[in-house]
Amino acid sequence: MQKTEDYSLTGINTNEAIVNGVLNGIVFELEKYMEEYGKQYYDFKTVITGGDAIFFVKKLKNTIFANLNLVLTGLNRILEENEA
């Protein structure tokens, strides 16, 4: 399996073509959603989280906020609040 950093628009075999098609589809879909929401909401912000956030940050054109550990940060805050 190829690494997400190595992806391109197409692939040199069936597996790469499928993976690249899925990744491109997600990137193109996110870009369109961000464009449409940006038209409706003046101060629209995009937040991307999770293990592949860095990949998407590099591919998306719009300004976004990425936090790889947003869920873990939130869970830790809840834990800290409950200890107090």
Protein backbone atom coordinates (compact mmCIF):
# COMPACT_ATOMS: atom_id res chain seq x y z
CA MET A 1 0.00 0.00 0.00
CA GLN A 2 1.36 3.39 -0.92
CA LYS A 3 1.82 6.15 1.62
CA THR A 4 -0.56 9.08 1.34
CA GLU A 5 2.40 11.43 0.76
CA ASP A 6 3.20 9.50 -2.43
CA TYR A 7 -0.20 9.88 -4.04
CA SER A 8 -0.72 11.57 -7.39
CA LEU A 9 -3.67 12.22 -9.65
CA THR A 10 -3.44 8.76 -11.20
CA GLY A 11 -1.82 5.46 -10.32
CA ILE A 12 0.54 3.06 -12.07
CA ASN A 13 -1.47 -0.01 -11.09
CA THR A 14 -5.01 -0.91 -10.06
CA ASN A 15 -4.41 -0.49 -6.34
CA GLU A 16 -2.80 2.93 -6.72
CA ALA A 17 -5.53 4.05 -9.12
CA ILE A 18 -8.21 3.11 -6.59
CA VAL A 19 -6.41 4.74 -3.65
CA ASN A 20 -5.64 7.90 -5.63
CA GLY A 21 -9.22 8.06 -6.88
CA VAL A 22 -10.57 7.86 -3.34
CA LEU A 23 -8.10 10.45 -2.00
CA ASN A 24 -8.73 12.84 -4.89
CA GLY A 25 -12.46 12.37 -4.51
CA ILE A 26 -12.28 13.33 -0.84
CA VAL A 27 -10.08 16.37 -1.53
CA PHE A 28 -12.32 17.59 -4.37
CA GLU A 29 -15.45 17.05 -2.28
CA LEU A 30 -14.01 18.93 0.70
CA GLU A 31 -12.92 21.83 -1.52
CA LYS A 32 -16.41 22.17 -2.99
CA TYR A 33 -18.10 21.97 0.42
CA MET A 34 -15.76 24.64 1.79
CA GLU A 35 -16.41 26.84 -1.24
CA GLU A 36 -20.20 26.55 -0.91
CA TYR A 37 -20.27 27.07 2.87
CA GLY A 38 -17.91 30.04 2.43
CA LYS A 39 -20.51 31.64 0.15
CA GLN A 40 -23.26 31.18 2.75
CA TYR A 41 -21.33 32.07 5.89
CA TYR A 42 -19.01 35.07 5.96
CA ASP A 43 -16.79 33.85 8.81
CA PHE A 44 -16.76 30.16 7.85
CA LYS A 45 -13.82 28.15 9.24
CA THR A 46 -12.79 24.58 8.44
CA VAL A 47 -11.35 22.30 11.11
CA ILE A 48 -9.76 19.01 10.10
CA THR A 49 -8.74 16.43 12.67
CA GLY A 50 -7.41 12.91 12.73
CA GLY A 51 -4.42 10.99 11.50
CA ASP A 52 -4.66 12.12 7.88
CA ALA A 53 -5.20 15.81 8.68
CA ILE A 54 -1.68 16.77 7.55
CA PHE A 55 -2.28 15.12 4.17
CA PHE A 56 -5.46 17.11 3.63
CA VAL A 57 -3.92 20.36 4.87
CA LYS A 58 -1.28 20.05 2.15
CA LYS A 59 -3.86 19.34 -0.57
CA LEU A 60 -6.63 21.83 0.28
CA LYS A 61 -6.37 25.38 -1.06
CA ASN A 62 -8.48 27.19 1.54
CA THR A 63 -7.23 28.30 4.93
CA ILE A 64 -8.03 25.61 7.48
CA PHE A 65 -7.24 24.71 11.05
CA ALA A 66 -5.82 21.23 11.61
CA ASN A 67 -5.39 19.50 14.95
CA LEU A 68 -4.31 15.89 14.78
CA ASN A 69 -5.23 15.24 18.40
CA LEU A 70 -8.41 17.27 18.85
CA VAL A 71 -10.42 14.39 20.32
CA LEU A 72 -7.62 13.39 22.68
CA THR A 73 -7.15 17.01 23.76
CA GLY A 74 -10.88 17.30 24.49
CA LEU A 75 -10.95 14.04 26.43
CA ASN A 76 -7.94 15.16 28.46
CA ARG A 77 -9.67 18.47 29.31
CA ILE A 78 -12.75 16.56 30.49
CA LEU A 79 -10.50 14.38 32.65
CA GLU A 80 -8.77 17.42 34.11
CA GLU A 81 -12.11 19.12 34.87
CA ASN A 82 -13.41 16.03 36.64
CA GLU A 83 -10.27 15.84 38.81
CA ALA A 84 -10.77 19.39 40.10
